[in-house]
Amino acid sequence: ARRHERHTREKWLAIRRVERQNIELETAAALARALQAMAGTMSDTILMLNADLEVMDVGDSYEAYFGKRVVHCNFSDLLVPEDRDRFDALLQEACRVQVMQSMPASLVLEFATL
């Protein structure tokens, strides 16, 4: 009986843990969608970066926009040199305070600077 009760409690706890994790994931996804929508109204272009600050898959239209393939490029390499130090400082500050940051930046295109 005790073994069955312990098993039932463990199962219940595992289900509750999964439910909480699902809620957290749904909340994070909703926040990401809201931030993308907000950024889309304030920006010419939006690039998604991975944890290594490399551009994730962005589609063919971005390659035409940048004049080159940018997937897996380090984002700092797309910034004009004057903005790279500001971007590094911004990242350090965001990590330190654990608050999202933003900054206007100019990007280097194959044919111009945006």
N, C-alpha and C. Protein backbone atom coordinates (compact mmCIF):
# COMPACT_ATOMS: atom_id res chain seq x y z
N ALA A 1 0.83 -1.19 0.00
CA ALA A 1 0.00 0.00 0.00
C ALA A 1 0.88 1.26 0.00
N ARG A 2 1.93 1.24 0.82
CA ARG A 2 2.80 2.43 0.88
C ARG A 2 3.54 2.63 -0.45
N ARG A 3 3.98 1.55 -1.03
CA ARG A 3 4.67 1.63 -2.32
C ARG A 3 3.73 2.22 -3.38
N HIS A 4 2.49 1.76 -3.37
CA HIS A 4 1.49 2.27 -4.32
C HIS A 4 1.23 3.76 -4.07
N GLU A 5 1.11 4.13 -2.78
CA GLU A 5 0.86 5.54 -2.44
C GLU A 5 2.05 6.40 -2.87
N ARG A 6 3.27 5.93 -2.62
CA ARG A 6 4.46 6.68 -3.01
C ARG A 6 4.51 6.83 -4.53
N HIS A 7 4.23 5.75 -5.24
CA HIS A 7 4.21 5.81 -6.70
C HIS A 7 3.16 6.79 -7.20
N THR A 8 1.98 6.78 -6.59
CA THR A 8 0.90 7.70 -6.98
C THR A 8 1.31 9.14 -6.72
N ARG A 9 1.94 9.42 -5.58
CA ARG A 9 2.40 10.78 -5.27
C ARG A 9 3.49 11.23 -6.24
N GLU A 10 4.43 10.36 -6.53
CA GLU A 10 5.50 10.70 -7.47
C GLU A 10 4.93 11.00 -8.85
N LYS A 11 3.98 10.21 -9.27
CA LYS A 11 3.35 10.44 -10.56
C LYS A 11 2.62 11.78 -10.57
N TRP A 12 1.87 12.05 -9.49
CA TRP A 12 1.14 13.32 -9.39
C TRP A 12 2.12 14.50 -9.42
N LEU A 13 3.22 14.40 -8.67
CA LEU A 13 4.22 15.47 -8.65
C LEU A 13 4.85 15.66 -10.03
N ALA A 14 5.13 14.58 -10.71
CA ALA A 14 5.72 14.68 -12.06
C ALA A 14 4.75 15.36 -13.01
N ILE A 15 3.48 15.00 -12.93
CA ILE A 15 2.48 15.64 -13.80
C ILE A 15 2.39 17.13 -13.49
N ARG A 16 2.37 17.50 -12.23
CA ARG A 16 2.31 18.92 -11.83
C ARG A 16 3.55 19.67 -12.34
N ARG A 17 4.72 19.05 -12.25
CA ARG A 17 5.96 19.67 -12.71
C ARG A 17 5.89 19.92 -14.22
N VAL A 18 5.41 18.95 -14.97
CA VAL A 18 5.26 19.10 -16.42
C VAL A 18 4.25 20.20 -16.74
N GLU A 19 3.15 20.24 -16.00
CA GLU A 19 2.15 21.29 -16.24
C GLU A 19 2.74 22.67 -15.99
N ARG A 20 3.51 22.83 -14.92
CA ARG A 20 4.15 24.13 -14.64
C ARG A 20 5.15 24.50 -15.75
N GLN A 21 5.91 23.51 -16.20
CA GLN A 21 6.88 23.77 -17.27
C GLN A 21 6.16 24.17 -18.55
N ASN A 22 5.05 23.54 -18.86
CA ASN A 22 4.27 23.91 -20.04
C ASN A 22 3.75 25.33 -19.95
N ILE A 23 3.29 25.72 -18.77
CA ILE A 23 2.81 27.09 -18.57
C ILE A 23 3.96 28.08 -18.77
N GLU A 24 5.12 27.76 -18.22
CA GLU A 24 6.29 28.63 -18.37
C GLU A 24 6.68 28.76 -19.84
N LEU A 25 6.68 27.64 -20.57
CA LEU A 25 7.02 27.67 -21.99
C LEU A 25 6.00 28.48 -22.80
N GLU A 26 4.72 28.30 -22.51
CA GLU A 26 3.68 29.06 -23.20
C GLU A 26 3.81 30.55 -22.91
N THR A 27 4.12 30.89 -21.67
CA THR A 27 4.31 32.30 -21.30
C THR A 27 5.51 32.89 -22.03
N ALA A 28 6.62 32.15 -22.07
CA ALA A 28 7.81 32.63 -22.76
C ALA A 28 7.55 32.78 -24.26
N ALA A 29 6.82 31.85 -24.85
CA ALA A 29 6.51 31.94 -26.28
C ALA A 29 5.61 33.14 -26.56
N ALA A 30 4.64 33.39 -25.71
CA ALA A 30 3.75 34.55 -25.88
C ALA A 30 4.55 35.85 -25.76
N LEU A 31 5.46 35.89 -24.82
CA LEU A 31 6.31 37.08 -24.66
C LEU A 31 7.18 37.28 -25.89
N ALA A 32 7.75 36.21 -26.40
CA ALA A 32 8.60 36.31 -27.60
C ALA A 32 7.79 36.83 -28.78
N ARG A 33 6.56 36.33 -28.96
CA ARG A 33 5.71 36.80 -30.06
C ARG A 33 5.38 38.28 -29.90
N ALA A 34 5.09 38.69 -28.67
CA ALA A 34 4.77 40.10 -28.41
C ALA A 34 5.97 41.00 -28.68
N LEU A 35 7.15 40.55 -28.26
CA LEU A 35 8.36 41.34 -28.49
C LEU A 35 8.68 41.43 -29.97
N GLN A 36 8.47 40.34 -30.71
CA GLN A 36 8.70 40.37 -32.16
C GLN A 36 7.73 41.34 -32.83
N ALA A 37 6.48 41.31 -32.42
CA ALA A 37 5.49 42.23 -33.01
C ALA A 37 5.86 43.67 -32.71
N MET A 38 6.26 43.95 -31.47
CA MET A 38 6.63 45.31 -31.10
C MET A 38 7.88 45.75 -31.87
N ALA A 39 8.87 44.89 -31.93
CA ALA A 39 10.11 45.23 -32.64
C ALA A 39 9.84 45.43 -34.12
N GLY A 40 8.92 44.65 -34.67
CA GLY A 40 8.58 44.79 -36.09
C GLY A 40 8.00 46.14 -36.44
N THR A 41 7.33 46.78 -35.48
CA THR A 41 6.78 48.11 -35.75
C THR A 41 7.83 49.20 -35.61
N MET A 42 8.92 48.90 -34.93
CA MET A 42 9.95 49.91 -34.67
C MET A 42 11.21 49.72 -35.48
N SER A 43 11.30 48.66 -36.26
CA SER A 43 12.55 48.33 -36.93
C SER A 43 12.35 48.04 -38.40
N ASP A 44 13.42 48.25 -39.17
CA ASP A 44 13.39 47.89 -40.58
C ASP A 44 13.46 46.38 -40.76
N THR A 45 14.19 45.72 -39.89
CA THR A 45 14.37 44.27 -40.00
C THR A 45 14.58 43.67 -38.61
N ILE A 46 14.22 42.42 -38.47
CA ILE A 46 14.42 41.71 -37.20
C ILE A 46 15.22 40.45 -37.49
N LEU A 47 16.27 40.26 -36.74
CA LEU A 47 17.08 39.05 -36.87
C LEU A 47 17.01 38.29 -35.56
N MET A 48 16.83 37.00 -35.65
CA MET A 48 16.83 36.14 -34.47
C MET A 48 18.23 35.58 -34.30
N LEU A 49 18.76 35.67 -33.08
CA LEU A 49 20.11 35.20 -32.79
C LEU A 49 20.05 34.00 -31.86
N ASN A 50 21.01 33.10 -31.99
CA ASN A 50 21.10 31.99 -31.05
C ASN A 50 21.98 32.41 -29.88
N ALA A 51 22.25 31.49 -28.97
CA ALA A 51 23.03 31.80 -27.77
C ALA A 51 24.46 32.23 -28.09
N ASP A 52 24.97 31.84 -29.26
CA ASP A 52 26.32 32.23 -29.68
C ASP A 52 26.32 33.52 -30.48
N LEU A 53 25.16 34.21 -30.52
CA LEU A 53 24.98 35.47 -31.25
C LEU A 53 25.13 35.30 -32.75
N GLU A 54 24.81 34.11 -33.23
CA GLU A 54 24.81 33.86 -34.67
C GLU A 54 23.39 34.01 -35.18
N VAL A 55 23.26 34.53 -36.40
CA VAL A 55 21.95 34.71 -37.00
C VAL A 55 21.35 33.34 -37.29
N MET A 56 20.12 33.16 -36.84
CA MET A 56 19.42 31.91 -37.11
C MET A 56 18.79 31.99 -38.49
N ASP A 57 18.16 30.93 -38.94
CA ASP A 57 17.53 30.88 -40.26
C ASP A 57 16.56 32.04 -40.43
N VAL A 58 16.78 32.85 -41.45
CA VAL A 58 15.98 34.05 -41.64
C VAL A 58 15.23 34.06 -42.96
N GLY A 59 15.49 33.13 -43.84
CA GLY A 59 14.78 33.08 -45.12
C GLY A 59 15.55 33.78 -46.22
N ASP A 60 15.13 33.51 -47.45
CA ASP A 60 15.83 34.04 -48.62
C ASP A 60 15.73 35.55 -48.75
N SER A 61 14.65 36.15 -48.27
CA SER A 61 14.49 37.59 -48.43
C SER A 61 15.59 38.37 -47.72
N TYR A 62 16.08 37.82 -46.61
CA TYR A 62 17.15 38.50 -45.89
C TYR A 62 18.47 38.42 -46.64
N GLU A 63 18.68 37.34 -47.33
CA GLU A 63 19.91 37.24 -48.13
C GLU A 63 19.90 38.29 -49.23
N ALA A 64 18.75 38.51 -49.83
CA ALA A 64 18.64 39.56 -50.84
C ALA A 64 18.81 40.93 -50.19
N TYR A 65 18.27 41.09 -48.99
CA TYR A 65 18.35 42.36 -48.27
C TYR A 65 19.80 42.69 -47.92
N PHE A 66 20.53 41.71 -47.40
CA PHE A 66 21.92 41.94 -47.00
C PHE A 66 22.89 41.80 -48.16
N GLY A 67 22.47 41.19 -49.24
CA GLY A 67 23.36 41.00 -50.37
C GLY A 67 24.33 39.84 -50.17
N LYS A 68 24.09 39.04 -49.14
CA LYS A 68 24.94 37.88 -48.86
C LYS A 68 24.19 36.96 -47.91
N ARG A 69 24.73 35.77 -47.75
CA ARG A 69 24.14 34.81 -46.82
C ARG A 69 24.51 35.21 -45.39
N VAL A 70 23.51 35.39 -44.53
CA VAL A 70 23.79 35.84 -43.16
C VAL A 70 23.51 34.77 -42.10
N VAL A 71 22.89 33.65 -42.51
CA VAL A 71 22.63 32.58 -41.55
C VAL A 71 23.95 32.06 -41.02
N HIS A 72 24.03 31.92 -39.72
CA HIS A 72 25.21 31.45 -39.00
C HIS A 72 26.33 32.48 -38.94
N CYS A 73 26.09 33.70 -39.45
CA CYS A 73 27.07 34.78 -39.28
C CYS A 73 26.96 35.31 -37.86
N ASN A 74 28.07 35.70 -37.29
CA ASN A 74 28.04 36.35 -36.00
C ASN A 74 27.44 37.74 -36.17
N PHE A 75 26.49 38.09 -35.33
CA PHE A 75 25.79 39.36 -35.47
C PHE A 75 26.75 40.54 -35.41
N SER A 76 27.76 40.46 -34.57
CA SER A 76 28.72 41.57 -34.47
C SER A 76 29.40 41.85 -35.80
N ASP A 77 29.57 40.82 -36.62
CA ASP A 77 30.19 41.02 -37.93
C ASP A 77 29.27 41.78 -38.89
N LEU A 78 27.98 41.82 -38.59
CA LEU A 78 27.04 42.56 -39.44
C LEU A 78 26.91 44.02 -39.03
N LEU A 79 27.42 44.35 -37.85
CA LEU A 79 27.35 45.73 -37.36
C LEU A 79 28.48 46.57 -37.95
N VAL A 80 28.19 47.86 -38.13
CA VAL A 80 29.28 48.75 -38.53
C VAL A 80 30.27 48.80 -37.37
N PRO A 81 31.55 49.00 -37.64
CA PRO A 81 32.55 48.96 -36.57
C PRO A 81 32.24 49.89 -35.39
N GLU A 82 31.65 51.03 -35.65
CA GLU A 82 31.35 51.99 -34.58
C GLU A 82 30.32 51.45 -33.58
N ASP A 83 29.48 50.51 -34.01
CA ASP A 83 28.43 49.99 -33.13
C ASP A 83 28.82 48.71 -32.41
N ARG A 84 29.93 48.11 -32.76
CA ARG A 84 30.30 46.82 -32.15
C ARG A 84 30.60 46.94 -30.66
N ASP A 85 31.35 47.96 -30.27
CA ASP A 85 31.65 48.14 -28.84
C ASP A 85 30.39 48.45 -28.05
N ARG A 86 29.51 49.27 -28.62
CA ARG A 86 28.24 49.57 -27.94
C ARG A 86 27.41 48.31 -27.75
N PHE A 87 27.40 47.45 -28.78
CA PHE A 87 26.64 46.21 -28.70
C PHE A 87 27.22 45.29 -27.63
N ASP A 88 28.53 45.16 -27.58
CA ASP A 88 29.17 44.33 -26.55
C ASP A 88 28.85 44.85 -25.15
N ALA A 89 28.89 46.18 -24.98
CA ALA A 89 28.56 46.77 -23.68
C ALA A 89 27.09 46.52 -23.33
N LEU A 90 26.23 46.61 -24.32
CA LEU A 90 24.81 46.36 -24.10
C LEU A 90 24.58 44.92 -23.65
N LEU A 91 25.25 43.96 -24.29
CA LEU A 91 25.12 42.57 -23.89
C LEU A 91 25.59 42.34 -22.46
N GLN A 92 26.71 42.95 -22.11
CA GLN A 92 27.22 42.81 -20.74
C GLN A 92 26.23 43.37 -19.73
N GLU A 93 25.65 44.50 -20.05
CA GLU A 93 24.67 45.11 -19.15
C GLU A 93 23.41 44.24 -19.05
N ALA A 94 22.94 43.71 -20.17
CA ALA A 94 21.75 42.85 -20.15
C ALA A 94 21.99 41.61 -19.31
N CYS A 95 23.18 41.03 -19.42
CA CYS A 95 23.51 39.85 -18.61
C CYS A 95 23.61 40.21 -17.13
N ARG A 96 24.16 41.36 -16.86
CA ARG A 96 24.35 41.78 -15.47
C ARG A 96 23.02 42.03 -14.77
N VAL A 97 22.12 42.77 -15.42
CA VAL A 97 20.86 43.14 -14.77
C VAL A 97 19.71 42.20 -15.09
N GLN A 98 19.93 41.27 -16.05
CA GLN A 98 18.90 40.30 -16.45
C GLN A 98 17.62 41.00 -16.91
N VAL A 99 17.82 42.08 -17.68
CA VAL A 99 16.70 42.83 -18.25
C VAL A 99 16.98 43.02 -19.72
N MET A 100 15.94 42.85 -20.53
CA MET A 100 16.09 43.02 -21.97
C MET A 100 16.55 44.44 -22.28
N GLN A 101 17.41 44.56 -23.27
CA GLN A 101 17.95 45.85 -23.69
C GLN A 101 17.70 46.02 -25.19
N SER A 102 17.75 47.24 -25.65
CA SER A 102 17.68 47.48 -27.09
C SER A 102 18.57 48.66 -27.43
N MET A 103 18.94 48.73 -28.70
CA MET A 103 19.76 49.85 -29.17
C MET A 103 19.59 49.98 -30.67
N PRO A 104 19.59 51.20 -31.15
CA PRO A 104 19.62 51.37 -32.61
C PRO A 104 21.03 51.03 -33.10
N ALA A 105 21.10 50.44 -34.27
CA ALA A 105 22.41 50.06 -34.81
C ALA A 105 22.37 50.14 -36.33
N SER A 106 23.52 50.34 -36.91
CA SER A 106 23.65 50.32 -38.36
C SER A 106 24.29 49.01 -38.76
N LEU A 107 23.74 48.42 -39.83
CA LEU A 107 24.24 47.14 -40.32
C LEU A 107 24.96 47.35 -41.63
N VAL A 108 25.98 46.53 -41.85
CA VAL A 108 26.75 46.59 -43.08
C VAL A 108 26.08 45.69 -44.11
N LEU A 109 25.73 46.26 -45.23
CA LEU A 109 25.21 45.49 -46.36
C LEU A 109 26.32 45.39 -47.40
N GLU A 110 26.18 44.46 -48.29
CA GLU A 110 27.22 44.29 -49.32
C GLU A 110 27.33 45.53 -50.21
N PHE A 111 26.25 46.28 -50.35
CA PHE A 111 26.26 47.39 -51.27
C PHE A 111 26.08 48.74 -50.58
N ALA A 112 25.80 48.75 -49.25
CA ALA A 112 25.57 50.01 -48.55
C ALA A 112 25.56 49.76 -47.05
N THR A 113 25.43 50.83 -46.28
CA THR A 113 25.24 50.74 -44.83
C THR A 113 23.83 51.19 -44.53
N LEU A 114 23.13 50.39 -43.74
CA LEU A 114 21.74 50.69 -43.40
C LEU A 114 21.68 51.26 -42.02
